[in-house]
Amino acid sequence: MVQMPLVWPEKCNGCGLCVGVCPNNALVLKGNIITVVETDTCDWCTVCEAVCPTRAIACPYEIVVEGE
C-alpha cells in the first residue's frame, strides 16, 4: 500500500504552492482544492506540507522502535 499525504479540503485556499513544489507531480488542484493523485511516485519528501500556509496538507509518519 502506497502512503499518500493527508489533505483537509476545508483548509485549502487553492493557492497551489504545494503543487508547484512537488517534485513528483503527486498533487493537482481540482476546483481550487488540493487533490492527491494516486501514484507511487510520492517519495514523502514533505515539501508540500512545509509550504502550505493553511496547513491543509500533511505527511505524517509513524516512528517504529524495534525491541531487542
PDB file of N, CA and C in Angstrom:
ATOM      1  N   MET A   1       0.844  -1.185   0.000  1.00  0.00           N
ATOM      2  CA  MET A   1       0.000   0.000   0.000  1.00  0.00           C
ATOM      3  C   MET A   1       0.889   1.248   0.000  1.00  0.00           C
ATOM      4  N   VAL A   2       0.628   2.141  -0.918  1.00  0.00           N
ATOM      5  CA  VAL A   2       1.373   3.391  -1.010  1.00  0.00           C
ATOM      6  C   VAL A   2       0.734   4.391  -0.058  1.00  0.00           C
ATOM      7  N   GLN A   3       1.537   5.012   0.761  1.00  0.00           N
ATOM      8  CA  GLN A   3       1.035   6.019   1.678  1.00  0.00           C
ATOM      9  C   GLN A   3       1.055   7.361   0.978  1.00  0.00           C
ATOM     10  N   MET A   4      -0.035   8.096   1.079  1.00  0.00           N
ATOM     11  CA  MET A   4      -0.158   9.388   0.410  1.00  0.00           C
ATOM     12  C   MET A   4      -0.347  10.482   1.457  1.00  0.00           C
ATOM     13  N   PRO A   5       0.011  11.720   1.123  1.00  0.00           N
ATOM     14  CA  PRO A   5      -0.220  12.827   2.049  1.00  0.00           C
ATOM     15  C   PRO A   5      -1.703  12.953   2.394  1.00  0.00           C
ATOM     16  N   LEU A   6      -1.969  13.430   3.595  1.00  0.00           N
ATOM     17  CA  LEU A   6      -3.345  13.676   4.026  1.00  0.00           C
ATOM     18  C   LEU A   6      -3.725  15.101   3.652  1.00  0.00           C
ATOM     19  N   VAL A   7      -4.969  15.277   3.233  1.00  0.00           N
ATOM     20  CA  VAL A   7      -5.455  16.591   2.805  1.00  0.00           C
ATOM     21  C   VAL A   7      -6.738  16.923   3.553  1.00  0.00           C
ATOM     22  N   TRP A   8      -6.836  18.177   4.010  1.00  0.00           N
ATOM     23  CA  TRP A   8      -8.050  18.696   4.609  1.00  0.00           C
ATOM     24  C   TRP A   8      -8.591  19.757   3.661  1.00  0.00           C
ATOM     25  N   PRO A   9      -9.522  19.372   2.763  1.00  0.00           N
ATOM     26  CA  PRO A   9     -10.031  20.286   1.733  1.00  0.00           C
ATOM     27  C   PRO A   9     -10.619  21.576   2.294  1.00  0.00           C
ATOM     28  N   GLU A  10     -11.220  21.510   3.459  1.00  0.00           N
ATOM     29  CA  GLU A  10     -11.831  22.701   4.045  1.00  0.00           C
ATOM     30  C   GLU A  10     -10.802  23.752   4.466  1.00  0.00           C
ATOM     31  N   LYS A  11      -9.550  23.350   4.619  1.00  0.00           N
ATOM     32  CA  LYS A  11      -8.479  24.288   4.960  1.00  0.00           C
ATOM     33  C   LYS A  11      -7.774  24.847   3.726  1.00  0.00           C
ATOM     34  N   CYS A  12      -7.937  24.196   2.578  1.00  0.00           N
ATOM     35  CA  CYS A  12      -7.212  24.583   1.366  1.00  0.00           C
ATOM     36  C   CYS A  12      -7.765  25.882   0.795  1.00  0.00           C
ATOM     37  N   ASN A  13      -6.857  26.835   0.516  1.00  0.00           N
ATOM     38  CA  ASN A  13      -7.279  28.098  -0.085  1.00  0.00           C
ATOM     39  C   ASN A  13      -7.003  28.143  -1.593  1.00  0.00           C
ATOM     40  N   GLY A  14      -6.521  27.032  -2.153  1.00  0.00           N
ATOM     41  CA  GLY A  14      -6.307  26.946  -3.595  1.00  0.00           C
ATOM     42  C   GLY A  14      -5.108  27.703  -4.114  1.00  0.00           C
ATOM     43  N   CYS A  15      -4.156  28.020  -3.257  1.00  0.00           N
ATOM     44  CA  CYS A  15      -3.001  28.824  -3.690  1.00  0.00           C
ATOM     45  C   CYS A  15      -2.083  28.070  -4.652  1.00  0.00           C
ATOM     46  N   GLY A  16      -2.033  26.748  -4.559  1.00  0.00           N
ATOM     47  CA  GLY A  16      -1.228  25.949  -5.478  1.00  0.00           C
ATOM     48  C   GLY A  16       0.248  25.862  -5.152  1.00  0.00           C
ATOM     49  N   LEU A  17       0.674  26.409  -4.019  1.00  0.00           N
ATOM     50  CA  LEU A  17       2.088  26.343  -3.668  1.00  0.00           C
ATOM     51  C   LEU A  17       2.585  24.899  -3.586  1.00  0.00           C
ATOM     52  N   CYS A  18       1.790  24.026  -3.010  1.00  0.00           N
ATOM     53  CA  CYS A  18       2.199  22.624  -2.862  1.00  0.00           C
ATOM     54  C   CYS A  18       2.353  21.940  -4.218  1.00  0.00           C
ATOM     55  N   VAL A  19       1.467  22.271  -5.150  1.00  0.00           N
ATOM     56  CA  VAL A  19       1.543  21.692  -6.489  1.00  0.00           C
ATOM     57  C   VAL A  19       2.838  22.133  -7.167  1.00  0.00           C
ATOM     58  N   GLY A  20       3.181  23.391  -6.992  1.00  0.00           N
ATOM     59  CA  GLY A  20       4.364  23.943  -7.629  1.00  0.00           C
ATOM     60  C   GLY A  20       5.678  23.374  -7.116  1.00  0.00           C
ATOM     61  N   VAL A  21       5.706  22.941  -5.853  1.00  0.00           N
ATOM     62  CA  VAL A  21       6.958  22.436  -5.287  1.00  0.00           C
ATOM     63  C   VAL A  21       7.075  20.915  -5.311  1.00  0.00           C
ATOM     64  N   CYS A  22       6.009  20.217  -5.623  1.00  0.00           N
ATOM     65  CA  CYS A  22       6.042  18.751  -5.612  1.00  0.00           C
ATOM     66  C   CYS A  22       6.938  18.235  -6.743  1.00  0.00           C
ATOM     67  N   PRO A  23       8.045  17.581  -6.390  1.00  0.00           N
ATOM     68  CA  PRO A  23       8.971  17.114  -7.424  1.00  0.00           C
ATOM     69  C   PRO A  23       8.470  15.880  -8.173  1.00  0.00           C
ATOM     70  N   ASN A  24       7.376  15.289  -7.701  1.00  0.00           N
ATOM     71  CA  ASN A  24       6.896  14.034  -8.286  1.00  0.00           C
ATOM     72  C   ASN A  24       5.524  14.151  -8.938  1.00  0.00           C
ATOM     73  N   ASN A  25       5.011  15.378  -9.056  1.00  0.00           N
ATOM     74  CA  ASN A  25       3.692  15.602  -9.676  1.00  0.00           C
ATOM     75  C   ASN A  25       2.601  14.758  -9.043  1.00  0.00           C
ATOM     76  N   ALA A  26       2.642  14.647  -7.714  1.00  0.00           N
ATOM     77  CA  ALA A  26       1.652  13.845  -6.993  1.00  0.00           C
ATOM     78  C   ALA A  26       0.451  14.668  -6.543  1.00  0.00           C
ATOM     79  N   LEU A  27       0.470  15.978  -6.809  1.00  0.00           N
ATOM     80  CA  LEU A  27      -0.599  16.868  -6.365  1.00  0.00           C
ATOM     81  C   LEU A  27      -1.152  17.672  -7.534  1.00  0.00           C
ATOM     82  N   VAL A  28      -2.458  17.904  -7.504  1.00  0.00           N
ATOM     83  CA  VAL A  28      -3.112  18.747  -8.501  1.00  0.00           C
ATOM     84  C   VAL A  28      -4.190  19.575  -7.821  1.00  0.00           C
ATOM     85  N   LEU A  29      -4.566  20.671  -8.449  1.00  0.00           N
ATOM     86  CA  LEU A  29      -5.711  21.446  -7.983  1.00  0.00           C
ATOM     87  C   LEU A  29      -6.916  21.051  -8.811  1.00  0.00           C
ATOM     88  N   LYS A  30      -7.992  20.704  -8.142  1.00  0.00           N
ATOM     89  CA  LYS A  30      -9.261  20.398  -8.798  1.00  0.00           C
ATOM     90  C   LYS A  30     -10.317  21.280  -8.154  1.00  0.00           C
ATOM     91  N   GLY A  31     -10.865  22.189  -8.927  1.00  0.00           N
ATOM     92  CA  GLY A  31     -11.849  23.110  -8.373  1.00  0.00           C
ATOM     93  C   GLY A  31     -11.269  23.960  -7.260  1.00  0.00           C
ATOM     94  N   ASN A  32     -10.001  24.363  -7.408  1.00  0.00           N
ATOM     95  CA  ASN A  32      -9.283  25.170  -6.423  1.00  0.00           C
ATOM     96  C   ASN A  32      -9.108  24.482  -5.067  1.00  0.00           C
ATOM     97  N   ILE A  33      -9.109  23.171  -5.059  1.00  0.00           N
ATOM     98  CA  ILE A  33      -8.860  22.384  -3.850  1.00  0.00           C
ATOM     99  C   ILE A  33      -7.760  21.385  -4.171  1.00  0.00           C
ATOM    100  N   ILE A  34      -6.797  21.258  -3.281  1.00  0.00           N
ATOM    101  CA  ILE A  34      -5.698  20.334  -3.494  1.00  0.00           C
ATOM    102  C   ILE A  34      -6.204  18.893  -3.492  1.00  0.00           C
ATOM    103  N   THR A  35      -5.680  18.114  -4.411  1.00  0.00           N
ATOM    104  CA  THR A  35      -6.029  16.707  -4.523  1.00  0.00           C
ATOM    105  C   THR A  35      -4.746  15.910  -4.727  1.00  0.00           C
ATOM    106  N   VAL A  36      -4.658  14.796  -4.037  1.00  0.00           N
ATOM    107  CA  VAL A  36      -3.501  13.916  -4.177  1.00  0.00           C
ATOM    108  C   VAL A  36      -3.791  12.934  -5.297  1.00  0.00           C
ATOM    109  N   VAL A  37      -2.882  12.843  -6.238  1.00  0.00           N
ATOM    110  CA  VAL A  37      -3.010  11.898  -7.343  1.00  0.00           C
ATOM    111  C   VAL A  37      -2.563  10.531  -6.840  1.00  0.00           C
ATOM    112  N   GLU A  38      -3.350   9.523  -7.085  1.00  0.00           N
ATOM    113  CA  GLU A  38      -2.960   8.176  -6.688  1.00  0.00           C
ATOM    114  C   GLU A  38      -1.745   7.772  -7.516  1.00  0.00           C
ATOM    115  N   THR A  39      -0.607   7.775  -6.885  1.00  0.00           N
ATOM    116  CA  THR A  39       0.632   7.498  -7.599  1.00  0.00           C
ATOM    117  C   THR A  39       1.627   6.847  -6.665  1.00  0.00           C
ATOM    118  N   ASP A  40       2.540   6.120  -7.207  1.00  0.00           N
ATOM    119  CA  ASP A  40       3.591   5.527  -6.380  1.00  0.00           C
ATOM    120  C   ASP A  40       4.874   6.347  -6.471  1.00  0.00           C
ATOM    121  N   THR A  41       4.785   7.537  -7.077  1.00  0.00           N
ATOM    122  CA  THR A  41       5.975   8.364  -7.211  1.00  0.00           C
ATOM    123  C   THR A  41       6.195   9.290  -6.018  1.00  0.00           C
ATOM    124  N   CYS A  42       5.201   9.445  -5.149  1.00  0.00           N
ATOM    125  CA  CYS A  42       5.363  10.279  -3.964  1.00  0.00           C
ATOM    126  C   CYS A  42       6.426   9.632  -3.080  1.00  0.00           C
ATOM    127  N   ASP A  43       7.497  10.372  -2.821  1.00  0.00           N
ATOM    128  CA  ASP A  43       8.578   9.813  -2.007  1.00  0.00           C
ATOM    129  C   ASP A  43       8.608  10.405  -0.604  1.00  0.00           C
ATOM    130  N   TRP A  44       7.502  11.029  -0.212  1.00  0.00           N
ATOM    131  CA  TRP A  44       7.317  11.504   1.156  1.00  0.00           C
ATOM    132  C   TRP A  44       8.353  12.550   1.527  1.00  0.00           C
ATOM    133  N   CYS A  45       8.638  13.454   0.593  1.00  0.00           N
ATOM    134  CA  CYS A  45       9.660  14.483   0.838  1.00  0.00           C
ATOM    135  C   CYS A  45       9.182  15.545   1.822  1.00  0.00           C
ATOM    136  N   THR A  46       7.893  15.708   1.994  1.00  0.00           N
ATOM    137  CA  THR A  46       7.216  16.634   2.913  1.00  0.00           C
ATOM    138  C   THR A  46       7.340  18.113   2.528  1.00  0.00           C
ATOM    139  N   VAL A  47       7.840  18.399   1.341  1.00  0.00           N
ATOM    140  CA  VAL A  47       7.957  19.795   0.913  1.00  0.00           C
ATOM    141  C   VAL A  47       6.571  20.428   0.795  1.00  0.00           C
ATOM    142  N   CYS A  48       5.592  19.682   0.324  1.00  0.00           N
ATOM    143  CA  CYS A  48       4.228  20.206   0.190  1.00  0.00           C
ATOM    144  C   CYS A  48       3.688  20.653   1.548  1.00  0.00           C
ATOM    145  N   GLU A  49       3.937  19.862   2.549  1.00  0.00           N
ATOM    146  CA  GLU A  49       3.494  20.196   3.897  1.00  0.00           C
ATOM    147  C   GLU A  49       4.182  21.473   4.393  1.00  0.00           C
ATOM    148  N   ALA A  50       5.459  21.602   4.113  1.00  0.00           N
ATOM    149  CA  ALA A  50       6.233  22.745   4.592  1.00  0.00           C
ATOM    150  C   ALA A  50       5.782  24.075   3.985  1.00  0.00           C
ATOM    151  N   VAL A  51       5.319  24.073   2.730  1.00  0.00           N
ATOM    152  CA  VAL A  51       4.946  25.329   2.075  1.00  0.00           C
ATOM    153  C   VAL A  51       3.480  25.713   2.240  1.00  0.00           C
ATOM    154  N   CYS A  52       2.658  24.826   2.745  1.00  0.00           N
ATOM    155  CA  CYS A  52       1.220  25.110   2.836  1.00  0.00           C
ATOM    156  C   CYS A  52       0.936  26.140   3.937  1.00  0.00           C
ATOM    157  N   PRO A  53       0.438  27.324   3.551  1.00  0.00           N
ATOM    158  CA  PRO A  53       0.195  28.376   4.536  1.00  0.00           C
ATOM    159  C   PRO A  53      -1.011  28.116   5.442  1.00  0.00           C
ATOM    160  N   THR A  54      -1.894  27.203   5.024  1.00  0.00           N
ATOM    161  CA  THR A  54      -3.097  26.936   5.819  1.00  0.00           C
ATOM    162  C   THR A  54      -3.064  25.565   6.492  1.00  0.00           C
ATOM    163  N   ARG A  55      -1.968  24.872   6.340  1.00  0.00           N
ATOM    164  CA  ARG A  55      -1.801  23.524   6.920  1.00  0.00           C
ATOM    165  C   ARG A  55      -2.890  22.558   6.451  1.00  0.00           C
ATOM    166  N   ALA A  56      -3.183  22.642   5.167  1.00  0.00           N
ATOM    167  CA  ALA A  56      -4.217  21.789   4.578  1.00  0.00           C
ATOM    168  C   ALA A  56      -3.672  20.446   4.118  1.00  0.00           C
ATOM    169  N   ILE A  57      -2.368  20.265   4.179  1.00  0.00           N
ATOM    170  CA  ILE A  57      -1.764  19.020   3.722  1.00  0.00           C
ATOM    171  C   ILE A  57      -0.704  18.595   4.739  1.00  0.00           C
ATOM    172  N   ALA A  58      -0.646  17.287   4.984  1.00  0.00           N
ATOM    173  CA  ALA A  58       0.321  16.777   5.954  1.00  0.00           C
ATOM    174  C   ALA A  58       0.855  15.430   5.508  1.00  0.00           C
ATOM    175  N   CYS A  59       2.087  15.186   5.880  1.00  0.00           N
ATOM    176  CA  CYS A  59       2.735  13.911   5.599  1.00  0.00           C
ATOM    177  C   CYS A  59       3.151  13.286   6.932  1.00  0.00           C
ATOM    178  N   PRO A  60       2.185  12.771   7.663  1.00  0.00           N
ATOM    179  CA  PRO A  60       2.524  12.194   8.965  1.00  0.00           C
ATOM    180  C   PRO A  60       3.308  10.902   8.800  1.00  0.00           C
ATOM    181  N   TYR A  61       4.092  10.601   9.765  1.00  0.00           N
ATOM    182  CA  TYR A  61       4.836   9.359   9.729  1.00  0.00           C
ATOM    183  C   TYR A  61       4.779   8.712  11.103  1.00  0.00           C
ATOM    184  N   GLU A  62       5.027   7.456  11.118  1.00  0.00           N
ATOM    185  CA  GLU A  62       4.980   6.688  12.345  1.00  0.00           C
ATOM    186  C   GLU A  62       6.399   6.289  12.721  1.00  0.00           C
ATOM    187  N   ILE A  63       6.748   6.516  13.958  1.00  0.00           N
ATOM    188  CA  ILE A  63       8.053   6.117  14.450  1.00  0.00           C
ATOM    189  C   ILE A  63       7.909   4.717  15.035  1.00  0.00           C
ATOM    190  N   VAL A  64       8.712   3.806  14.514  1.00  0.00           N
ATOM    191  CA  VAL A  64       8.666   2.428  14.975  1.00  0.00           C
ATOM    192  C   VAL A  64       9.981   2.108  15.657  1.00  0.00           C
ATOM    193  N   VAL A  65       9.892   1.654  16.897  1.00  0.00           N
ATOM    194  CA  VAL A  65      11.087   1.270  17.638  1.00  0.00           C
ATOM    195  C   VAL A  65      11.047  -0.240  17.805  1.00  0.00           C
ATOM    196  N   GLU A  66      12.038  -0.893  17.259  1.00  0.00           N
ATOM    197  CA  GLU A  66      12.077  -2.336  17.360  1.00  0.00           C
ATOM    198  C   GLU A  66      12.772  -2.753  18.647  1.00  0.00           C
ATOM    199  N   GLY A  67      12.166  -3.728  19.317  1.00  0.00           N
ATOM    200  CA  GLY A  67      12.747  -4.233  20.558  1.00  0.00           C
ATOM    201  C   GLY A  67      13.923  -5.153  20.297  1.00  0.00           C
ATOM    202  N   GLU A  68      14.693  -5.347  21.323  1.00  0.00           N
ATOM    203  CA  GLU A  68      15.869  -6.211  21.169  1.00  0.00           C
ATOM    204  C   GLU A  68      15.514  -7.649  21.433  1.00  0.00           C
TER     205      GLU A  68
END
